[in-house]
Amino acid sequence: MNREIASYLDNSFTHPIRDPLWKHIYLTSGMEKLIQTPPFARLTRLRQLGLAFHVYPGAVHTRFNHSLGVFHLAKRIIGVLINHEDCPPLSMEGVKAFLVACLCHDLGHFPYAHVFEDNLPLIDHESLSAHKVLEKPLAPIIQNEIGTDPYWVASIIDTNIESVHAPQETDFYRTLLSGVLDPDKLDYLNRDAYFCGIPYGIQDTDFIISQMIPLSTYRVALRAKGIMSVENVLFSKYLMYRSVYWHKGVRAPSSIIKKSLEWAIHRGTVHPSDLYDLDDTNFASTLAHKDPTLAILIQAETKGKFLSLHEEDWDPERLGSARLLDPAHRWEWERELAQRLSKLLSSPVSEAEVAIDVPRSLSFEVELPIMQHGSIVPFIESNTVFAPDVVKSFTRVLKKIRICGPDRAIGHGDQLYL
């Protein structure tokens, strides 16, 4: 069967799409029909990096671009693994389900990148993606045109869905889609760096994929020569968070948008389900009609309107820091900060214009088996400088608490504190 799958990968992908990062990406006729549906059209209106274009004007690439890239790298990875002598038995239907899962994994994503994934009562975007896969117009195409079970696709995307198809094989695909060297990470690091015009996220993707080896236990390991690839991914992820994802010029307007939405959900004027089919284009205008105070969403999209006025290191041991995770406590604190700013500026600053940006949890995964001297060892026990304490230090350096407010308050940050 693995030979048949290898032949399928080599000969069935005949429909090219031009991609600025990976050049030609080839689809089957069924997959080409899949990406012509409305759920994929929505992805073309979701910016991959949300408001990062405020800092990097080129960062206007979309979730659609990214989804194609993840699929492309997944196909290359499965092609390398399937031709290895130690590759466990895989099914044609399973490989197809995995590739479709990679193509569809972000269909349920929210507007503005990951802004809304903390402290808001939203369904995980993976679950929303899986739900879309199981309904029209996607499910019939997946079933009849591509030749795999939509439910298998959904269970690979959403690990909360119980697998009914070869559980070991399903877990294998889940590990490939979400792991240390998964196609998702390899695409977004390279793609985001490319469109931001910075070098920090660039990976030696060809070499990484060439060093992946399958294990008979339905796991994937990396040859010892590839250790530096993992090190590069870890450090690149750190640098991209520091320079792009958590840049203060991105976090400040994003925190205002998030706060306004928290308020609306708390008041009941907006229901979480109102967000699930919106995109960056219609998000602000649609929600502003539901609650007049949400008009600030439109202002937050304006470059330079909201800035980081003050920042401090995140210290969970410090009195009050952990309480900022509680929205009610944070709103009370923001109200006090707005009053303080009003006095400093001698003009009113509304509490809707002030937000405390609290960093979410962040992990740097290192759970990857390494084939070293003929034996399998954990990455942290291999020949690497990235000991657990080093990896933890990444998060410690990155996490900042910021007071964000209107541009007219710039210069008064030294008089604000938490």
Foldseek 3Di string as FASTA:
>chain_A
DLVVLLCCLVPQFDQWDQAPQPGTQTHHPLVVVQCVDPLNVQQQQAQQQALLCLVQVLRRGTVQSLLSQLLRLLSLLSSLASPDPQRADDDNQLSLLLSVLSNQLQSQPFHRHCLQVAPDPADPSLQVSLVVLCDPPNQVSSCPVSNYHSNLSSCLSDVVRDDPPPVLSSVLSNCQCDHLPHSSLQRCLCVSCVSSVHDLSHAPSVVQSNQWYAHNSSYIAGELVCLVRSVSSLRSVLVCLQPGNVDQQSQQLSQLLNLVVVVCVVVVLDPNVVGRSDYPVCVQVVVCVSPVLSVVNVVSSDNQFKGFAAKDFQDPVDPPRVVCSPVVVQLVVLQVVQVVLCVVVVHHFHSSFKGKRFDDDDANGQQHWYCDPNDTDGSLPRPDPPHVVNRVVSVRVSGMITIMGGNVSHPCSVVDDD
